[in-house]
N, C-alpha and C. Protein backbone atom coordinates (compact mmCIF):
# COMPACT_ATOMS: atom_id res chain seq x y z
N MET A 1 -35.40 -0.10 -51.63
CA MET A 1 -36.50 -0.05 -50.70
C MET A 1 -37.72 -0.03 -51.62
N GLU A 2 -38.73 -0.75 -51.27
CA GLU A 2 -40.04 -0.65 -51.99
C GLU A 2 -41.15 -0.52 -50.93
N CYS A 3 -42.18 0.08 -51.48
CA CYS A 3 -43.41 0.11 -50.68
C CYS A 3 -44.62 -0.57 -51.27
N LYS A 4 -45.36 -1.20 -50.53
CA LYS A 4 -46.54 -1.89 -51.02
C LYS A 4 -47.82 -1.06 -50.73
N THR A 5 -48.56 -0.83 -51.79
CA THR A 5 -49.86 -0.31 -51.63
C THR A 5 -50.87 -0.95 -52.44
N ARG A 6 -51.79 -1.44 -51.95
CA ARG A 6 -52.90 -2.29 -52.73
C ARG A 6 -52.46 -3.20 -53.70
N GLY A 7 -51.31 -3.99 -53.21
CA GLY A 7 -50.80 -5.01 -54.02
C GLY A 7 -49.75 -4.69 -55.01
N GLU A 8 -49.52 -3.30 -55.21
CA GLU A 8 -48.47 -2.88 -56.20
C GLU A 8 -47.21 -2.61 -55.42
N LYS A 9 -46.18 -2.72 -56.11
CA LYS A 9 -44.74 -2.37 -55.51
C LYS A 9 -44.35 -1.11 -56.14
N ILE A 10 -44.20 0.08 -55.37
CA ILE A 10 -43.74 1.22 -55.96
C ILE A 10 -42.21 1.47 -55.41
N PRO A 11 -41.34 1.57 -56.49
CA PRO A 11 -39.92 1.82 -56.15
C PRO A 11 -39.79 3.13 -55.53
N THR A 12 -39.02 3.32 -54.45
CA THR A 12 -38.62 4.45 -53.81
C THR A 12 -37.10 4.65 -53.95
N PRO A 13 -36.69 5.99 -54.09
CA PRO A 13 -35.18 6.19 -54.20
C PRO A 13 -34.53 5.83 -52.77
N HIS A 14 -33.26 5.26 -52.98
CA HIS A 14 -32.47 4.75 -51.89
C HIS A 14 -31.81 6.06 -51.34
N THR A 15 -32.07 6.38 -50.01
CA THR A 15 -31.44 7.63 -49.46
C THR A 15 -30.49 7.23 -48.38
N SER A 16 -29.34 7.92 -48.39
CA SER A 16 -28.37 7.66 -47.31
C SER A 16 -28.57 8.27 -46.04
N GLY A 17 -28.37 7.70 -44.91
CA GLY A 17 -28.76 8.32 -43.60
C GLY A 17 -27.52 8.91 -43.13
N GLY A 18 -26.40 8.97 -43.70
CA GLY A 18 -25.17 9.68 -43.21
C GLY A 18 -23.94 9.25 -44.10
N PHE A 19 -22.78 9.69 -43.46
CA PHE A 19 -21.49 9.31 -44.23
C PHE A 19 -21.06 7.92 -43.80
N THR A 20 -20.44 7.30 -44.83
CA THR A 20 -19.82 5.95 -44.62
C THR A 20 -18.60 6.07 -43.83
N LEU A 21 -18.17 5.03 -43.19
CA LEU A 21 -16.96 4.96 -42.40
C LEU A 21 -15.70 5.42 -43.20
N LEU A 22 -15.67 4.88 -44.53
CA LEU A 22 -14.43 5.30 -45.37
C LEU A 22 -14.40 6.88 -45.65
N GLU A 23 -15.46 7.53 -45.86
CA GLU A 23 -15.56 8.93 -46.00
C GLU A 23 -15.16 9.72 -44.73
N VAL A 24 -15.48 9.15 -43.58
CA VAL A 24 -15.29 9.71 -42.34
C VAL A 24 -13.73 9.76 -42.11
N MET A 25 -13.20 8.52 -42.37
CA MET A 25 -11.72 8.40 -42.10
C MET A 25 -10.93 9.18 -43.19
N ILE A 26 -11.30 9.24 -44.38
CA ILE A 26 -10.57 10.17 -45.24
C ILE A 26 -10.61 11.56 -44.82
N ALA A 27 -11.71 11.97 -44.41
CA ALA A 27 -11.88 13.38 -43.89
C ALA A 27 -10.98 13.70 -42.73
N MET A 28 -10.90 12.77 -41.75
CA MET A 28 -10.12 12.80 -40.58
C MET A 28 -8.59 12.78 -40.99
N ALA A 29 -8.24 11.96 -42.02
CA ALA A 29 -6.88 12.06 -42.46
C ALA A 29 -6.47 13.31 -43.00
N ILE A 30 -7.39 13.93 -43.76
CA ILE A 30 -6.99 15.22 -44.44
C ILE A 30 -6.92 16.23 -43.38
N VAL A 31 -7.81 16.29 -42.37
CA VAL A 31 -7.81 17.30 -41.23
C VAL A 31 -6.46 17.15 -40.46
N SER A 32 -6.10 15.81 -40.17
CA SER A 32 -4.88 15.58 -39.30
C SER A 32 -3.74 15.92 -40.08
N ILE A 33 -3.70 15.82 -41.39
CA ILE A 33 -2.53 16.24 -42.20
C ILE A 33 -2.31 17.76 -41.99
N ALA A 34 -3.48 18.47 -42.27
CA ALA A 34 -3.50 19.95 -42.18
C ALA A 34 -3.12 20.45 -40.74
N LEU A 35 -3.58 19.79 -39.72
CA LEU A 35 -3.25 20.27 -38.33
C LEU A 35 -1.72 20.04 -38.06
N VAL A 36 -1.09 18.89 -38.53
CA VAL A 36 0.16 18.67 -38.32
C VAL A 36 1.15 19.83 -39.05
N SER A 37 0.72 20.16 -40.22
CA SER A 37 1.44 21.12 -41.02
C SER A 37 1.38 22.40 -40.33
N LEU A 38 0.10 22.77 -39.71
CA LEU A 38 0.08 24.08 -39.06
C LEU A 38 0.93 24.03 -37.71
N LEU A 39 0.96 22.91 -37.02
CA LEU A 39 1.81 22.99 -35.87
C LEU A 39 3.24 23.02 -36.24
N ALA A 40 3.67 22.38 -37.18
CA ALA A 40 5.13 22.60 -37.67
C ALA A 40 5.36 23.92 -38.17
N LEU A 41 4.54 24.62 -38.82
CA LEU A 41 4.65 26.11 -39.25
C LEU A 41 4.75 26.93 -37.99
N GLY A 42 3.85 26.74 -37.02
CA GLY A 42 3.97 27.47 -35.73
C GLY A 42 5.23 27.31 -35.06
N ASN A 43 5.74 26.11 -34.96
CA ASN A 43 7.11 25.93 -34.33
C ASN A 43 8.22 26.56 -35.07
N ARG A 44 8.18 26.49 -36.34
CA ARG A 44 9.12 27.08 -37.12
C ARG A 44 9.12 28.65 -37.03
N SER A 45 7.90 29.21 -36.88
CA SER A 45 7.76 30.61 -36.73
C SER A 45 8.36 31.05 -35.39
N ILE A 46 8.16 30.22 -34.36
CA ILE A 46 8.69 30.58 -32.98
C ILE A 46 10.19 30.66 -33.08
N GLY A 47 10.84 29.56 -33.69
CA GLY A 47 12.29 29.51 -33.94
C GLY A 47 12.85 30.72 -34.57
N VAL A 48 12.25 31.16 -35.73
CA VAL A 48 12.65 32.35 -36.60
C VAL A 48 12.46 33.54 -35.73
N ASN A 49 11.48 33.62 -34.96
CA ASN A 49 11.33 34.78 -34.07
C ASN A 49 12.37 34.91 -33.03
N ALA A 50 12.78 33.90 -32.41
CA ALA A 50 13.75 33.88 -31.46
C ALA A 50 15.18 34.29 -32.06
N ARG A 51 15.58 33.78 -33.30
CA ARG A 51 16.73 34.24 -33.86
C ARG A 51 16.71 35.67 -34.28
N LEU A 52 15.60 36.12 -34.83
CA LEU A 52 15.45 37.58 -35.12
C LEU A 52 15.59 38.41 -33.92
N GLN A 53 15.14 38.01 -32.86
CA GLN A 53 15.25 38.79 -31.56
C GLN A 53 16.76 38.87 -31.15
N LYS A 54 17.51 37.80 -31.29
CA LYS A 54 18.88 37.79 -30.92
C LYS A 54 19.54 38.73 -31.84
N ILE A 55 19.34 38.65 -33.13
CA ILE A 55 19.99 39.59 -34.16
C ILE A 55 19.72 40.97 -33.84
N THR A 56 18.50 41.34 -33.43
CA THR A 56 18.11 42.69 -33.13
C THR A 56 18.87 43.11 -31.81
N GLN A 57 18.90 42.30 -30.83
CA GLN A 57 19.58 42.82 -29.64
C GLN A 57 21.09 42.95 -29.89
N ALA A 58 21.73 42.02 -30.81
CA ALA A 58 23.14 42.05 -30.96
C ALA A 58 23.41 43.37 -31.77
N THR A 59 22.55 43.63 -32.76
CA THR A 59 22.78 44.99 -33.43
C THR A 59 22.68 46.20 -32.68
N LEU A 60 21.73 46.25 -31.69
CA LEU A 60 21.60 47.45 -30.84
C LEU A 60 22.79 47.43 -29.90
N LEU A 61 23.33 46.26 -29.38
CA LEU A 61 24.42 46.33 -28.59
C LEU A 61 25.64 46.79 -29.34
N ALA A 62 25.92 46.37 -30.42
CA ALA A 62 27.04 46.71 -31.40
C ALA A 62 26.90 48.32 -31.64
N GLN A 63 25.79 48.70 -31.87
CA GLN A 63 25.65 50.08 -32.12
C GLN A 63 26.00 51.02 -30.87
N GLU A 64 25.51 50.45 -29.72
CA GLU A 64 25.87 51.17 -28.44
C GLU A 64 27.33 51.10 -28.29
N LYS A 65 28.11 50.12 -28.61
CA LYS A 65 29.52 49.97 -28.37
C LYS A 65 30.23 50.97 -29.39
N MET A 66 29.67 50.99 -30.60
CA MET A 66 30.23 51.96 -31.71
C MET A 66 30.16 53.33 -31.20
N THR A 67 28.88 53.71 -30.69
CA THR A 67 28.64 54.99 -30.23
C THR A 67 29.63 55.39 -29.04
N ASP A 68 29.83 54.49 -28.15
CA ASP A 68 30.86 54.63 -26.96
C ASP A 68 32.22 54.93 -27.55
N ILE A 69 32.64 54.21 -28.51
CA ILE A 69 34.05 54.37 -29.18
C ILE A 69 34.00 55.67 -29.85
N GLU A 70 33.02 56.21 -30.64
CA GLU A 70 33.00 57.40 -31.31
C GLU A 70 33.04 58.43 -30.24
N VAL A 71 32.29 58.49 -29.15
CA VAL A 71 32.40 59.42 -28.10
C VAL A 71 33.79 59.59 -27.48
N ARG A 72 34.27 58.38 -27.17
CA ARG A 72 35.75 58.43 -26.63
C ARG A 72 36.67 59.03 -27.59
N GLY A 73 36.43 58.72 -28.88
CA GLY A 73 37.33 59.22 -29.88
C GLY A 73 37.32 60.68 -30.12
N ALA A 74 36.11 61.23 -29.94
CA ALA A 74 35.90 62.67 -30.08
C ALA A 74 36.64 63.38 -28.79
N THR A 75 36.71 62.75 -27.80
CA THR A 75 37.26 63.42 -26.65
C THR A 75 38.80 63.05 -26.39
N GLY A 76 39.30 62.14 -27.37
CA GLY A 76 40.63 61.73 -27.34
C GLY A 76 40.99 60.67 -26.38
N GLY A 77 39.98 59.91 -25.87
CA GLY A 77 40.15 58.79 -24.84
C GLY A 77 40.05 57.47 -25.46
N VAL A 78 40.19 57.44 -26.76
CA VAL A 78 40.16 55.92 -27.20
C VAL A 78 41.61 55.53 -27.62
N GLN A 79 41.77 54.27 -27.32
CA GLN A 79 43.07 53.65 -27.54
C GLN A 79 42.88 52.77 -28.69
N LEU A 80 43.72 52.79 -29.79
CA LEU A 80 43.50 52.03 -31.04
C LEU A 80 44.07 50.62 -30.93
N VAL A 81 43.74 49.95 -29.96
CA VAL A 81 44.04 48.54 -29.74
C VAL A 81 42.85 47.62 -29.69
N GLU A 82 42.89 46.38 -30.19
CA GLU A 82 41.87 45.56 -30.27
C GLU A 82 41.46 45.08 -28.88
N GLU A 83 40.07 45.14 -28.62
CA GLU A 83 39.58 44.73 -27.28
C GLU A 83 38.50 43.75 -27.52
N GLU A 84 38.24 42.97 -26.51
CA GLU A 84 37.11 42.04 -26.47
C GLU A 84 36.63 41.74 -25.04
N GLY A 85 35.50 41.30 -24.86
CA GLY A 85 34.93 41.03 -23.64
C GLY A 85 33.53 40.54 -23.66
N VAL A 86 32.94 40.37 -22.48
CA VAL A 86 31.52 39.84 -22.38
C VAL A 86 30.66 41.03 -21.81
N LEU A 87 29.55 41.28 -22.39
CA LEU A 87 28.69 42.33 -21.97
C LEU A 87 28.06 42.01 -20.58
N PRO A 88 27.79 43.08 -19.72
CA PRO A 88 27.16 42.78 -18.43
C PRO A 88 25.79 42.25 -18.55
N GLU A 89 25.25 41.93 -17.40
CA GLU A 89 23.87 41.36 -17.29
C GLU A 89 22.91 42.44 -17.66
N PRO A 90 21.87 42.23 -18.29
CA PRO A 90 21.19 41.07 -18.70
C PRO A 90 21.57 40.46 -19.94
N PHE A 91 22.69 40.99 -20.65
CA PHE A 91 23.13 40.53 -21.99
C PHE A 91 24.44 39.72 -21.80
N ALA A 92 24.61 38.94 -20.72
CA ALA A 92 25.91 38.17 -20.57
C ALA A 92 26.12 37.14 -21.51
N GLU A 93 25.11 36.71 -22.31
CA GLU A 93 25.35 35.78 -23.49
C GLU A 93 25.95 36.38 -24.59
N PHE A 94 26.16 37.59 -24.72
CA PHE A 94 26.72 38.27 -25.87
C PHE A 94 28.20 38.62 -25.56
N ARG A 95 29.03 38.25 -26.54
CA ARG A 95 30.49 38.66 -26.47
C ARG A 95 30.63 39.80 -27.51
N TRP A 96 31.62 40.66 -27.18
CA TRP A 96 31.87 41.81 -28.24
C TRP A 96 33.50 41.72 -28.49
N ARG A 97 33.69 42.39 -29.60
CA ARG A 97 35.12 42.50 -30.09
C ARG A 97 35.21 43.73 -30.88
N THR A 98 36.21 44.52 -30.68
CA THR A 98 36.53 45.77 -31.54
C THR A 98 37.95 45.50 -32.32
N ALA A 99 37.89 46.00 -33.51
CA ALA A 99 39.18 46.05 -34.36
C ALA A 99 39.36 47.24 -35.04
N TYR A 100 40.52 47.71 -35.15
CA TYR A 100 40.88 48.86 -35.88
C TYR A 100 41.75 48.66 -37.03
N GLU A 101 41.42 49.29 -38.26
CA GLU A 101 42.27 49.17 -39.39
C GLU A 101 42.74 50.53 -39.91
N GLU A 102 43.83 50.63 -40.50
CA GLU A 102 44.33 51.92 -41.09
C GLU A 102 43.59 52.08 -42.33
N THR A 103 43.50 53.36 -42.77
CA THR A 103 42.96 53.64 -44.00
C THR A 103 43.91 54.53 -44.84
N PRO A 104 43.80 54.80 -46.05
CA PRO A 104 44.75 55.66 -46.80
C PRO A 104 44.99 57.04 -46.22
N LEU A 105 43.93 57.61 -45.54
CA LEU A 105 44.09 58.87 -44.77
C LEU A 105 44.73 58.68 -43.44
N PRO A 106 45.80 59.32 -43.06
CA PRO A 106 46.47 58.89 -41.78
C PRO A 106 45.60 59.30 -40.48
N SER A 107 44.65 60.25 -40.56
CA SER A 107 43.93 60.57 -39.38
C SER A 107 42.57 59.84 -39.34
N VAL A 108 42.42 58.87 -40.20
CA VAL A 108 41.23 58.15 -40.18
C VAL A 108 41.38 56.72 -39.99
N ARG A 109 40.63 56.04 -39.17
CA ARG A 109 40.86 54.73 -38.79
C ARG A 109 39.46 53.99 -39.05
N MET A 110 39.38 52.72 -39.51
CA MET A 110 38.08 52.05 -39.67
C MET A 110 37.88 51.19 -38.31
N VAL A 111 36.84 51.36 -37.80
CA VAL A 111 36.47 50.57 -36.60
C VAL A 111 35.42 49.52 -36.88
N THR A 112 35.73 48.31 -36.44
CA THR A 112 34.74 47.33 -36.65
C THR A 112 34.35 46.70 -35.27
N VAL A 113 33.03 46.63 -34.92
CA VAL A 113 32.57 46.08 -33.77
C VAL A 113 31.85 44.89 -34.12
N THR A 114 32.16 43.74 -33.44
CA THR A 114 31.46 42.50 -33.70
C THR A 114 30.88 42.04 -32.36
N VAL A 115 29.62 41.68 -32.29
CA VAL A 115 28.83 41.25 -31.09
C VAL A 115 28.42 39.78 -31.63
N ALA A 116 28.85 38.71 -30.82
CA ALA A 116 28.55 37.34 -31.05
C ALA A 116 27.74 36.67 -29.89
N TRP A 117 27.11 35.70 -30.11
CA TRP A 117 26.42 34.95 -29.15
C TRP A 117 26.30 33.47 -29.40
N GLY A 118 25.94 32.67 -28.56
CA GLY A 118 25.84 31.26 -28.82
C GLY A 118 27.26 30.55 -28.99
N GLU A 119 27.19 29.39 -29.64
CA GLU A 119 28.54 28.80 -29.83
C GLU A 119 29.39 29.41 -30.97
N GLU A 120 30.62 29.45 -30.76
CA GLU A 120 31.43 30.06 -31.83
C GLU A 120 31.45 29.25 -33.12
N ALA A 121 31.25 27.94 -33.07
CA ALA A 121 31.28 27.18 -34.29
C ALA A 121 30.00 27.50 -35.17
N ARG A 122 28.95 27.98 -34.64
CA ARG A 122 27.70 28.30 -35.35
C ARG A 122 27.78 29.70 -36.02
N ASN A 123 28.85 30.43 -35.66
CA ASN A 123 29.28 31.78 -36.27
C ASN A 123 27.95 32.75 -36.22
N GLU A 124 27.37 32.88 -35.09
CA GLU A 124 26.25 33.74 -34.85
C GLU A 124 26.79 35.07 -34.43
N ALA A 125 26.90 36.03 -35.33
CA ALA A 125 27.31 37.36 -34.96
C ALA A 125 26.93 38.51 -35.77
N VAL A 126 26.90 39.65 -35.23
CA VAL A 126 26.58 40.85 -35.95
C VAL A 126 27.73 41.76 -35.91
N GLN A 127 28.10 42.32 -37.15
CA GLN A 127 29.38 43.18 -37.24
C GLN A 127 28.89 44.53 -37.94
N ILE A 128 29.31 45.53 -37.30
CA ILE A 128 29.23 46.86 -37.97
C ILE A 128 30.52 47.57 -38.02
N SER A 129 30.76 48.47 -38.99
CA SER A 129 31.91 49.26 -39.13
C SER A 129 31.68 50.69 -39.46
N SER A 130 32.59 51.51 -38.88
CA SER A 130 32.49 52.93 -39.06
C SER A 130 33.83 53.45 -39.15
N PHE A 131 33.91 54.77 -39.44
CA PHE A 131 35.20 55.50 -39.48
C PHE A 131 35.36 56.37 -38.29
N LEU A 132 36.55 56.31 -37.77
CA LEU A 132 36.83 57.21 -36.58
C LEU A 132 37.93 58.25 -37.08
N PHE A 133 37.52 59.58 -36.90
CA PHE A 133 38.32 60.78 -37.31
C PHE A 133 39.10 61.16 -35.95
N GLN A 134 40.48 61.34 -36.07
CA GLN A 134 41.29 61.77 -34.94
C GLN A 134 41.76 63.00 -35.21
């Protein structure tokens, strides 16, 4: 751009009035990639949170079942046979199973409580073991 004053041409610097279309499109592409990544991360976080919640619930239910066995064992009311079943509402999606194994000491048995949920093929379960003294 040039200005005329008294017959002379004075050069003026060329100033840009804004961003070019290409610059705006590149900025939009970068922002959209970042947003898609953040959305994927958020979805992954929700899935991990749900799985951890199931593991926590199953662990607490297994501990409750183990405590019940230990209390019945202390009062002599436990039978050393394998049992399994489905937990009552609101935990009906969880299945439990108890197993007893002998140890080298005749008065001690190892008790294993397994609490599973979901499809059996996915093998989603929590297992805890303890010793029962008779």
